Amino acid sequence: MADSESFVRCFSSFVARLDDRLPEVEQHFGGECSEEDMFSYFWGLQEAHKCLVLSVPETLKSESSAVTYRTRGNKLYRSKNLKEALKSFNFSIMFAPHPPVPSAAASLCEEPAADGTSSAFEALALAYANRSAVMFELSQYEECLKDVELAILHGYPEASRCKLLARKERCVAKRKEEGGAAERLLTTHKHCPAVATADPATPRKSDAIRLSHTPEKGRHFLANREILPGELLLTEESYSSCLLPEFLPSHCSVCLTRCLTPLPCPGCPYVTFCSSQCRSRGRRSHVAECRVMGALIPLPSPWRVALGILTRATLPRLKVWLKKLKEEEQEATAFLSRTDAKTKERGRGGDEGEGGKVKEEREARRGEGKKQTEAEEGEGNANRRRKREKAKRKKEKKEREKRLRDIENQNEASKHQDEEKEEALYRAAFHAVTNKSKHSPSQLLHACAAAFCLTKLLEAGGGFFLEDDTPYAPRQEEAELVGATLLRHLLGAKCNAFTIAEVNVPSSRAARPRPVTVGVGLSPSVALFNHSCSPSAFLTHCGGGAQALTAARTIPPGQEVTIDYLIGSRGRSAASRQSRFLSQYGFSCSCDACARDRPAYPKLPDYADVLSEDGLLLRPGTPSPSSAPSSPVCQRLCQAKDYNDLGIDLDHVPHKVKEAVSRYKDVLQRCQETATPSEDDVRTVCDLIHLLDVHAQKPSSLHLAAQLTLEDMTLRRFLHAEIKDEFYY
């Protein structure tokens, strides 16, 4: 999303006010500067405080707006336009004044305060009652009963309550009569599967992948063994996520799933939830942005993701965590520098010329070090080592005893564990790569301005800077700490946040199911996977804000596992992709498609001729043409002298592929008729991909098509919304 007009205007005014001081100011912004130094300097600019003030629209509940929406809904209901009537009643519920949430209940956030008799929230009660009438007409009896209860809870007028109770009785009778056979208007399938071969240390990660590091690629994941297509490699909940503005009224702001009858935020008219459980989870961080949500919605999604990271952590935690995290970062940087230096040294030649001289010097140093070590041991170094080990064991024993004393109380222990878990999650988000050194001074100045505006909005919101639940104006050191942390998360979110999609499936199957991007989220482990325009794995949103990583094709041991950062750009030219990589992520892609200057998914010959002897199938000892690189899986075939070396019957391969292609065509037909594909159909597609991995020249239209089919089927299995046609919006 483009920057909001308000911020663009403010930033332009800020730059104009700096006038001829801009070059001098930009000298304080660079990759070698810390976030703290940059933001501290920015916070001291008077021009920033005068110009960078975003307008905050009124975000409080409005009874007049609720009445307007309800009146419109009543007219639509009488004219039998139930779809539009439902939308109007939903908006009426969002804008209606809501019982306040006491601070003690903020983490629970169930329906509070109303006693069923007060008229203070009559607009909310009437909107729930009218929505229950729409639900009854649509035979959605579960939703109807919930809305009747909510209407009574919030003070539906006694004089008219008999009509509401009569609707409840009819609803119960109808539900009993139909026995749950009524057609659902909306069925949301959420499925977050367990990793089959989980790593014991991290249960949500497969033991088939391991984290590695090189100076060129940074942190990345490699395959421990051969990974087959369709294998689940990782599941992880987004640490912070946000909906695109157009989906705020129709989707839950916590799990990002579509909901027919959403529950409102008690404080603002912008955010909705699918259930009281999600509202409980969401309010913990939303309370900091609730009053300024109107100003936040137009801002770019990565900004809101960055703000979500900060508000989830809370200010008291940040003050404790950040010192430790900075120390960890310094230690990690020093360790990686030493490791990279050793790696480069090992990579240099050493048999002739200067290399031989370096090798001789290194051997000489080793000999001197060995002699020195022997001398030290002769002087009693062994005794000192034993004393150190004994002291270490004694210290560890004391630490264990202290930990045991600290967790004697079970409630305190549980709280401590939750806090440790939150700290670990924030640690992963904090250490996400920022590419700060690859940004220009003007880009960092722009990012600082964004962090400044967000800090000011947090202050105006009154829900982040709190002392004994009372808002206060932050001290300078607190504002600078929050702003510098926001700057870091803004840079991290820009190059690590991923889009989140659902598949909308019309219930009549008249229209083809289509993936729709509904939001953006940041998952720290997912952020460690590098990009390829022809990736070996793909991400899927699977409900509850979780992402799942699935293998798209066969990945041999030792090969890097990659994903595609640019969803929806597979037909773009290499130059177009490179421009996006440099501007957003700060790197140049070196995958085969970019190296050969072609689209990631080029238009290839149809797979009708894939079975021709000189077409798709590889022959032993014959590598793929230079214009069509083979996958690493094929190398063992290309290097073999004949098929007997591999135990392959040459005559049987084309027949086997023919059968797999025939089964694949049947699967494609069934996909048009079924919302959720079966396990057998998914397995059929995976088998075809594996066959082509081993026997096919690349690129191949069939190979690419099968991978895209697997991606689509996985998305439809993990999360899709099956919607009745007239409610498809």
Foldseek 3Di string as FASTA:
>chain_A
DDFDPQQVQLVVQLVVVCPPCVVVLLVQAFLVHALLSNLLVVVPDPSLVVRLAGDFPFFFADQVQLVVLQVVLVVCVVVVVLLSSLLSLLLSLLRFAADDAPPVCLLQQDRDDFAQADCNRQSNLVSLLVNLVSCVVLLVLVSNLVSLVVSSRRHHDPVCNVVSVVSNVVSVVSCVVCVPVRDDQKDKAFDDDFQPQADVVGRQAHPQKDWDAAPVQGIFIFGQFKDFFFHFGGKFFFLFKAWQQVCQSQAAGQFRFGASRWHYQNGGSRHTHRDSVSSSVPSQQCLLQSRRVRRVNSGDQLLRRLSSLDSNCALVNCVVQVVVLVVVVVVVVVVVVVVNVVVVLVVDAQDDDVNVVVVVVVVVVVVVVVVVVVVVVVVPVVVVVVVVVVVVVVVVVVVVVVVCVQCPDPVSVVVVVVNVVSSVQSSLLLPQDLVSNLDRSVVLVSLLSSLLNVLVSSLVSQRRCDDPSGRDRDDSVSSSSSSSSSSSSSSRSLAAKAFAWAWEQAQVLPDAIDIDGTIIGGTSVSSSHAADLQFQWEWASQTSNMIIITGLRIRGGGDTGHYHRDPPCQQPWLVVVQVVCCVRPNDGHDHPRNVLGHRSQDDDDDCPCCLPPPHWFDFALDAAPPVFHADPLQVVRNPDPHCVVVPDDVVCLSVVLVVLVVLLVVLVVVSSVDQADDPVNLVSLSVNLHSSNHTTTPPDNSNVVSSVVNVVNVSSNRIYMHRHVSNDD
